[in-house]
Amino acid sequence: MTTVRLAKLPDKKPIKIAVLLPPELHGLLLDYAEAYALAYGEKVPMTELISPILSAFLDADRAFQKYRTSKTVP
């Protein structure tokens, strides 16, 4: 069984936005979607993986977390 860092996705209704991706990143995301399907036995569209991937990245960024906890709200 393949394992990936991203946990299985929860059921949530997303907000739709449009982004432009370089071809290389698009290919990586398609490959990640394949790895996710192998890991969990469930095909998920690549577009549904982008949000949790970004969330995982932001959660792991210690400098960003420090910034968020130290910033003051006006």
Protein backbone atom coordinates (compact mmCIF):
# COMPACT_ATOMS: atom_id res chain seq x y z
CA MET A 1 0.00 0.00 0.00
CA THR A 2 1.27 3.48 -0.89
CA THR A 3 1.35 6.05 1.89
CA VAL A 4 1.14 9.80 1.51
CA ARG A 5 1.58 12.60 4.02
CA LEU A 6 -1.92 14.00 3.49
CA ALA A 7 -4.65 12.43 5.64
CA LYS A 8 -7.89 11.22 4.11
CA LEU A 9 -10.05 14.18 3.12
CA PRO A 10 -13.08 15.13 5.24
CA ASP A 11 -16.42 15.83 3.58
CA LYS A 12 -16.64 19.62 3.18
CA LYS A 13 -18.26 21.96 0.69
CA PRO A 14 -15.47 23.98 -0.94
CA ILE A 15 -15.44 27.59 -2.13
CA LYS A 16 -14.51 27.75 -5.80
CA ILE A 17 -11.59 29.91 -6.92
CA ALA A 18 -9.59 30.00 -10.14
CA VAL A 19 -5.79 29.70 -10.19
CA LEU A 20 -3.18 29.40 -12.89
CA LEU A 21 -0.60 26.64 -12.40
CA PRO A 22 2.61 26.02 -14.28
CA PRO A 23 2.50 22.75 -16.23
CA GLU A 24 5.12 21.14 -13.97
CA LEU A 25 3.06 21.79 -10.83
CA HIS A 26 -0.09 20.54 -12.55
CA GLY A 27 1.71 17.31 -13.39
CA LEU A 28 2.92 16.92 -9.80
CA LEU A 29 -0.61 17.40 -8.49
CA LEU A 30 -1.95 14.79 -10.92
CA ASP A 31 0.75 12.38 -9.73
CA TYR A 32 -0.14 13.13 -6.11
CA ALA A 33 -3.80 12.38 -6.85
CA GLU A 34 -2.70 8.98 -8.19
CA ALA A 35 -0.65 8.31 -5.05
CA TYR A 36 -3.61 9.37 -2.88
CA ALA A 37 -5.88 6.95 -4.75
CA LEU A 38 -3.40 4.11 -4.18
CA ALA A 39 -3.07 5.00 -0.50
CA TYR A 40 -6.80 5.21 0.25
CA GLY A 41 -8.41 3.15 -2.51
CA GLU A 42 -10.48 6.15 -3.54
CA LYS A 43 -9.96 8.41 -6.55
CA VAL A 44 -10.23 12.08 -5.64
CA PRO A 45 -9.97 14.81 -8.25
CA MET A 46 -6.69 16.67 -8.12
CA THR A 47 -8.58 19.91 -7.62
CA GLU A 48 -9.98 18.63 -4.30
CA LEU A 49 -6.48 17.89 -3.00
CA ILE A 50 -5.10 21.41 -3.49
CA SER A 51 -6.81 22.91 -0.44
CA PRO A 52 -5.64 20.26 2.06
CA ILE A 53 -2.14 20.33 0.57
CA LEU A 54 -2.00 24.10 1.07
CA SER A 55 -3.40 23.76 4.59
CA ALA A 56 -0.78 21.14 5.48
CA PHE A 57 1.96 23.39 4.11
CA LEU A 58 0.75 26.42 6.09
CA ASP A 59 0.30 24.35 9.27
CA ALA A 60 3.90 23.11 8.98
CA ASP A 61 5.41 26.56 8.40
CA ARG A 62 6.68 27.56 11.85
CA ALA A 63 7.64 31.08 10.81
CA PHE A 64 4.13 31.66 9.47
CA GLN A 65 2.56 30.24 12.63
CA LYS A 66 4.74 32.54 14.75
CA TYR A 67 3.70 35.49 12.61
CA ARG A 68 0.00 34.64 12.99
CA THR A 69 0.20 34.29 16.77
CA SER A 70 2.19 37.53 17.16
CA LYS A 71 0.22 39.79 14.83
CA THR A 72 -2.23 42.15 16.42
CA VAL A 73 -5.74 42.60 15.13
CA PRO A 74 -6.72 46.29 14.73
